[in-house]
């Protein structure tokens, strides 16, 4: 079960926040016993990009075989 402060991987794009599937965020609040989450996404320099509400289907736990990948944030 996912809990606050867990790192998670986005499984779908969230265009309105400039997020892409594969982006890594941190759960800051759990809703409805894990049916939804508030997740913070940050740059590697520590700047918050978005704090967004996501369903459990839109995130997954970080796996042991996952590796971080860098992409440049597109600024509109």
Protein backbone atom coordinates (compact mmCIF):
# COMPACT_ATOMS: atom_id res chain seq x y z
CA UNK A 1 0.00 0.00 0.00
CA UNK A 2 1.34 3.42 -0.97
CA UNK A 3 1.75 5.97 1.82
CA UNK A 4 2.86 9.56 2.39
CA UNK A 5 6.49 10.24 1.41
CA UNK A 6 6.67 7.25 -0.96
CA UNK A 7 8.19 7.91 -4.36
CA UNK A 8 5.90 6.97 -7.23
CA UNK A 9 6.10 6.79 -11.02
CA UNK A 10 3.47 8.48 -13.16
CA UNK A 11 1.82 5.97 -15.52
CA UNK A 12 -0.01 8.48 -17.75
CA UNK A 13 0.73 11.93 -19.12
CA UNK A 14 -0.86 14.84 -17.24
CA UNK A 15 -0.64 17.50 -19.95
CA UNK A 16 -2.20 20.31 -17.90
CA UNK A 17 0.73 20.07 -15.47
CA UNK A 18 3.42 19.40 -18.08
CA UNK A 19 3.99 15.90 -16.69
CA UNK A 20 4.81 12.80 -18.71
CA UNK A 21 4.45 9.11 -17.97
CA UNK A 22 7.64 8.00 -16.22
CA UNK A 23 8.07 11.20 -14.20
CA UNK A 24 8.81 10.52 -10.54
CA UNK A 25 6.99 12.27 -7.72
CA UNK A 26 6.44 11.97 -3.97
CA UNK A 27 3.09 11.34 -2.30
CA UNK A 28 2.27 14.24 0.03
CA UNK A 29 -1.29 13.19 0.94
CA UNK A 30 -3.30 9.97 0.69
CA UNK A 31 -7.04 10.22 -0.08
CA UNK A 32 -9.79 7.65 0.53
CA UNK A 33 -7.53 4.90 1.91
CA UNK A 34 -5.28 4.89 -1.16
CA UNK A 35 -7.82 5.43 -3.93
CA UNK A 36 -6.21 8.78 -4.79
CA UNK A 37 -3.12 10.83 -3.92
CA UNK A 38 -1.71 14.33 -3.92
CA UNK A 39 1.70 13.96 -5.55
CA UNK A 40 4.48 16.56 -5.73
CA UNK A 41 6.74 16.61 -8.78
CA UNK A 42 10.03 18.49 -8.60
CA UNK A 43 13.07 19.22 -10.71
CA UNK A 44 16.32 17.58 -9.63
CA UNK A 45 17.35 21.04 -8.36
CA UNK A 46 14.42 20.98 -5.91
CA UNK A 47 11.96 23.33 -7.65
CA UNK A 48 8.35 22.20 -7.39
CA UNK A 49 6.78 21.77 -10.83
CA UNK A 50 3.33 20.57 -9.77
CA UNK A 51 1.32 19.22 -6.88
CA UNK A 52 -1.54 17.35 -8.43
CA UNK A 53 -4.36 14.97 -7.49
CA UNK A 54 -4.02 11.56 -9.09
CA UNK A 55 -5.98 8.33 -8.94
CA UNK A 56 -4.28 5.14 -7.83
CA UNK A 57 -4.38 3.99 -11.47
CA UNK A 58 -2.20 6.95 -12.52
CA UNK A 59 0.78 6.04 -10.32
CA UNK A 60 2.78 2.99 -9.39
CA UNK A 61 5.43 2.33 -6.78
CA UNK A 62 9.07 2.78 -7.74
CA UNK A 63 10.48 -0.64 -8.64
CA UNK A 64 13.83 -2.16 -7.76
CA UNK A 65 14.84 -2.17 -11.44
CA UNK A 66 13.74 1.44 -12.18
CA UNK A 67 16.39 3.97 -13.11
CA UNK A 68 16.11 7.77 -13.12
CA UNK A 69 16.10 9.42 -16.53
CA UNK A 70 16.45 13.15 -17.13
CA UNK A 71 14.32 15.24 -19.48
CA UNK A 72 14.17 19.00 -19.81
CA UNK A 73 10.92 20.55 -18.71
CA UNK A 74 9.06 22.22 -21.54
CA UNK A 75 8.03 25.72 -20.46
CA UNK A 76 4.89 27.04 -22.12
